[in-house]
Amino acid sequence: MAIVVAAALALFYLSQSTRVAATGYEIDALEATLAQSHADQQQLIWAIGQARSPGERACPMAQISCCCSAWLWASVTSSASIS
C-alpha cells in the first residue's frame, strides 16, 4: 500500500512540476514578445522622425513651426515692397 501512495505522490509531483515549467516557458515567451514589441515601437518612432519633411527637420525654429517662418518671411518681403 505504501508503494502505491508513494507512486501517486510522485506522479502528482511530476504533473505539478510540468505545469510550473510550462507556465515558466509561457512567461518567458510573453517577455520576449513584449521586448520585441518595444523594439518595434522604437523603430516606428525613428521611422516617423525620418519621414518628416526636410523643412521640418532643417528648421531651427521647429518648436514654434516652420509655417511661422514662412509667414514672417512673407511679411518682411511684402513690407519691403510697399516702402
N, C-alpha and C. Protein backbone atom coordinates (compact mmCIF):
# COMPACT_ATOMS: atom_id res chain seq x y z
N MET A 1 0.83 -1.20 0.00
CA MET A 1 0.00 0.00 0.00
C MET A 1 0.87 1.26 0.00
N ALA A 2 1.95 1.28 0.74
CA ALA A 2 2.83 2.45 0.82
C ALA A 2 3.46 2.73 -0.54
N ILE A 3 3.73 1.69 -1.31
CA ILE A 3 4.32 1.87 -2.63
C ILE A 3 3.32 2.58 -3.55
N VAL A 4 2.06 2.25 -3.46
CA VAL A 4 1.03 2.87 -4.30
C VAL A 4 0.89 4.34 -3.92
N VAL A 5 0.91 4.66 -2.64
CA VAL A 5 0.79 6.05 -2.19
C VAL A 5 2.02 6.84 -2.65
N ALA A 6 3.20 6.26 -2.50
CA ALA A 6 4.42 6.93 -2.92
C ALA A 6 4.41 7.17 -4.43
N ALA A 7 3.94 6.20 -5.20
CA ALA A 7 3.86 6.35 -6.65
C ALA A 7 2.86 7.44 -7.02
N ALA A 8 1.74 7.49 -6.32
CA ALA A 8 0.74 8.53 -6.58
C ALA A 8 1.29 9.91 -6.26
N LEU A 9 2.00 10.04 -5.14
CA LEU A 9 2.61 11.31 -4.77
C LEU A 9 3.67 11.73 -5.78
N ALA A 10 4.46 10.78 -6.25
CA ALA A 10 5.49 11.08 -7.25
C ALA A 10 4.85 11.54 -8.55
N LEU A 11 3.78 10.88 -8.96
CA LEU A 11 3.07 11.26 -10.18
C LEU A 11 2.47 12.66 -10.03
N PHE A 12 1.88 12.94 -8.86
CA PHE A 12 1.31 14.26 -8.61
C PHE A 12 2.42 15.33 -8.66
N TYR A 13 3.56 15.06 -8.03
CA TYR A 13 4.69 16.00 -8.03
C TYR A 13 5.18 16.28 -9.44
N LEU A 14 5.31 15.23 -10.24
CA LEU A 14 5.77 15.40 -11.62
C LEU A 14 4.78 16.21 -12.45
N SER A 15 3.49 15.98 -12.25
CA SER A 15 2.49 16.72 -13.01
C SER A 15 2.52 18.20 -12.64
N GLN A 16 2.71 18.49 -11.34
CA GLN A 16 2.79 19.88 -10.91
C GLN A 16 4.06 20.54 -11.43
N SER A 17 5.17 19.81 -11.42
CA SER A 17 6.43 20.35 -11.92
C SER A 17 6.31 20.67 -13.40
N THR A 18 5.65 19.82 -14.16
CA THR A 18 5.46 20.05 -15.59
C THR A 18 4.61 21.29 -15.82
N ARG A 19 3.57 21.45 -15.01
CA ARG A 19 2.70 22.62 -15.15
C ARG A 19 3.46 23.90 -14.80
N VAL A 20 4.26 23.86 -13.75
CA VAL A 20 5.06 25.02 -13.37
C VAL A 20 6.08 25.36 -14.46
N ALA A 21 6.72 24.35 -15.00
CA ALA A 21 7.69 24.58 -16.08
C ALA A 21 7.00 25.17 -17.30
N ALA A 22 5.82 24.66 -17.65
CA ALA A 22 5.09 25.19 -18.80
C ALA A 22 4.71 26.64 -18.57
N THR A 23 4.32 26.98 -17.35
CA THR A 23 3.98 28.37 -17.03
C THR A 23 5.22 29.25 -17.14
N GLY A 24 6.35 28.73 -16.69
CA GLY A 24 7.60 29.48 -16.80
C GLY A 24 7.97 29.74 -18.25
N TYR A 25 7.81 28.74 -19.09
CA TYR A 25 8.10 28.92 -20.53
C TYR A 25 7.14 29.94 -21.14
N GLU A 26 5.89 29.90 -20.71
CA GLU A 26 4.91 30.86 -21.23
C GLU A 26 5.28 32.29 -20.81
N ILE A 27 5.72 32.46 -19.58
CA ILE A 27 6.15 33.78 -19.11
C ILE A 27 7.35 34.25 -19.92
N ASP A 28 8.31 33.36 -20.15
CA ASP A 28 9.48 33.73 -20.96
C ASP A 28 9.08 34.16 -22.36
N ALA A 29 8.14 33.43 -22.94
CA ALA A 29 7.67 33.76 -24.29
C ALA A 29 6.98 35.13 -24.31
N LEU A 30 6.18 35.41 -23.28
CA LEU A 30 5.49 36.70 -23.21
C LEU A 30 6.48 37.84 -23.00
N GLU A 31 7.52 37.60 -22.21
CA GLU A 31 8.54 38.63 -22.02
C GLU A 31 9.29 38.90 -23.32
N ALA A 32 9.56 37.86 -24.09
CA ALA A 32 10.24 38.04 -25.38
C ALA A 32 9.34 38.80 -26.35
N THR A 33 8.05 38.50 -26.35
CA THR A 33 7.10 39.20 -27.20
C THR A 33 7.02 40.67 -26.82
N LEU A 34 7.00 40.95 -25.52
CA LEU A 34 6.95 42.32 -25.04
C LEU A 34 8.21 43.09 -25.45
N ALA A 35 9.36 42.46 -25.32
CA ALA A 35 10.61 43.11 -25.72
C ALA A 35 10.62 43.40 -27.22
N GLN A 36 10.12 42.46 -28.02
CA GLN A 36 10.06 42.67 -29.46
C GLN A 36 9.10 43.80 -29.82
N SER A 37 7.96 43.86 -29.12
CA SER A 37 7.00 44.94 -29.36
C SER A 37 7.61 46.29 -29.01
N HIS A 38 8.39 46.34 -27.94
CA HIS A 38 9.04 47.59 -27.55
C HIS A 38 10.07 48.00 -28.61
N ALA A 39 10.82 47.04 -29.12
CA ALA A 39 11.80 47.34 -30.17
C ALA A 39 11.09 47.82 -31.44
N ASP A 40 9.97 47.18 -31.79
CA ASP A 40 9.20 47.61 -32.96
C ASP A 40 8.69 49.04 -32.78
N GLN A 41 8.23 49.35 -31.57
CA GLN A 41 7.74 50.70 -31.28
C GLN A 41 8.85 51.72 -31.46
N GLN A 42 10.05 51.42 -30.97
CA GLN A 42 11.17 52.34 -31.12
C GLN A 42 11.54 52.54 -32.59
N GLN A 43 11.47 51.46 -33.38
CA GLN A 43 11.76 51.58 -34.81
C GLN A 43 10.72 52.45 -35.50
N LEU A 44 9.45 52.30 -35.11
CA LEU A 44 8.39 53.12 -35.71
C LEU A 44 8.57 54.59 -35.35
N ILE A 45 8.93 54.86 -34.11
CA ILE A 45 9.16 56.25 -33.70
C ILE A 45 10.31 56.84 -34.51
N TRP A 46 11.37 56.07 -34.70
CA TRP A 46 12.50 56.54 -35.50
C TRP A 46 12.08 56.78 -36.95
N ALA A 47 11.29 55.84 -37.51
CA ALA A 47 10.86 55.96 -38.91
C ALA A 47 9.96 57.19 -39.09
N ILE A 48 9.11 57.46 -38.13
CA ILE A 48 8.26 58.66 -38.21
C ILE A 48 9.12 59.91 -38.19
N GLY A 49 10.14 59.91 -37.36
CA GLY A 49 11.05 61.05 -37.33
C GLY A 49 11.77 61.23 -38.65
N GLN A 50 12.15 60.15 -39.29
CA GLN A 50 12.84 60.23 -40.58
C GLN A 50 11.90 60.61 -41.71
N ALA A 51 10.61 60.33 -41.57
CA ALA A 51 9.64 60.58 -42.63
C ALA A 51 9.15 62.03 -42.65
N ARG A 52 9.55 62.82 -41.67
CA ARG A 52 9.14 64.21 -41.67
C ARG A 52 9.70 64.92 -42.90
N SER A 53 9.05 65.99 -43.27
CA SER A 53 9.53 66.72 -44.44
C SER A 53 10.89 67.35 -44.13
N PRO A 54 11.72 67.53 -45.14
CA PRO A 54 13.03 68.12 -44.91
C PRO A 54 12.95 69.50 -44.27
N GLY A 55 11.92 70.25 -44.57
CA GLY A 55 11.76 71.57 -43.98
C GLY A 55 11.57 71.51 -42.48
N GLU A 56 10.83 70.54 -42.01
CA GLU A 56 10.62 70.39 -40.57
C GLU A 56 11.91 70.01 -39.86
N ARG A 57 12.73 69.17 -40.51
CA ARG A 57 13.98 68.75 -39.89
C ARG A 57 15.01 69.86 -39.90
N ALA A 58 15.00 70.69 -40.95
CA ALA A 58 16.03 71.70 -41.10
C ALA A 58 15.68 73.00 -40.39
N CYS A 59 14.45 73.23 -40.09
CA CYS A 59 14.00 74.49 -39.50
C CYS A 59 14.55 74.64 -38.08
N PRO A 60 15.30 75.69 -37.80
CA PRO A 60 15.83 75.86 -36.44
C PRO A 60 14.76 76.21 -35.44
N MET A 61 13.62 76.67 -35.91
CA MET A 61 12.52 77.03 -35.01
C MET A 61 11.40 76.00 -35.09
N ALA A 62 11.77 74.74 -35.16
CA ALA A 62 10.78 73.68 -35.34
C ALA A 62 9.82 73.60 -34.17
N GLN A 63 10.24 74.05 -32.98
CA GLN A 63 9.34 74.01 -31.84
C GLN A 63 8.16 74.96 -32.04
N ILE A 64 8.40 76.06 -32.73
CA ILE A 64 7.32 77.02 -32.98
C ILE A 64 6.51 76.51 -34.17
N SER A 65 7.10 76.49 -35.33
CA SER A 65 6.50 75.94 -36.53
C SER A 65 7.20 76.55 -37.73
N CYS A 66 7.42 75.75 -38.74
CA CYS A 66 8.06 76.27 -39.94
C CYS A 66 7.13 77.19 -40.71
N CYS A 67 5.84 77.00 -40.55
CA CYS A 67 4.91 77.87 -41.26
C CYS A 67 5.01 79.29 -40.72
N CYS A 68 5.38 79.45 -39.45
CA CYS A 68 5.56 80.79 -38.89
C CYS A 68 6.74 81.48 -39.56
N SER A 69 7.80 80.74 -39.82
CA SER A 69 8.96 81.31 -40.51
C SER A 69 8.55 81.78 -41.90
N ALA A 70 7.76 80.99 -42.59
CA ALA A 70 7.30 81.37 -43.93
C ALA A 70 6.41 82.61 -43.85
N TRP A 71 5.56 82.67 -42.84
CA TRP A 71 4.69 83.83 -42.68
C TRP A 71 5.53 85.07 -42.38
N LEU A 72 6.54 84.93 -41.51
CA LEU A 72 7.40 86.05 -41.18
C LEU A 72 8.15 86.54 -42.43
N TRP A 73 8.67 85.61 -43.21
CA TRP A 73 9.38 85.97 -44.44
C TRP A 73 8.45 86.70 -45.41
N ALA A 74 7.22 86.23 -45.53
CA ALA A 74 6.25 86.87 -46.41
C ALA A 74 5.93 88.28 -45.90
N SER A 75 5.86 88.45 -44.59
CA SER A 75 5.58 89.77 -44.03
C SER A 75 6.71 90.73 -44.29
N VAL A 76 7.92 90.27 -44.13
CA VAL A 76 9.10 91.12 -44.35
C VAL A 76 9.21 91.51 -45.81
N THR A 77 9.04 90.58 -46.71
CA THR A 77 9.19 90.89 -48.14
C THR A 77 8.06 91.77 -48.64
N SER A 78 6.85 91.58 -48.11
CA SER A 78 5.73 92.44 -48.56
C SER A 78 5.89 93.83 -47.99
N SER A 79 6.42 93.99 -46.79
CA SER A 79 6.67 95.32 -46.20
C SER A 79 7.73 96.05 -46.98
N ALA A 80 8.74 95.35 -47.40
CA ALA A 80 9.82 95.99 -48.16
C ALA A 80 9.34 96.47 -49.51
N SER A 81 8.41 95.75 -50.12
CA SER A 81 7.95 96.16 -51.44
C SER A 81 6.98 97.34 -51.35
N ILE A 82 6.32 97.52 -50.20
CA ILE A 82 5.40 98.64 -50.03
C ILE A 82 6.19 99.95 -49.86
N SER A 83 7.30 99.92 -49.16
CA SER A 83 8.08 101.14 -48.88
C SER A 83 8.57 101.68 -50.14
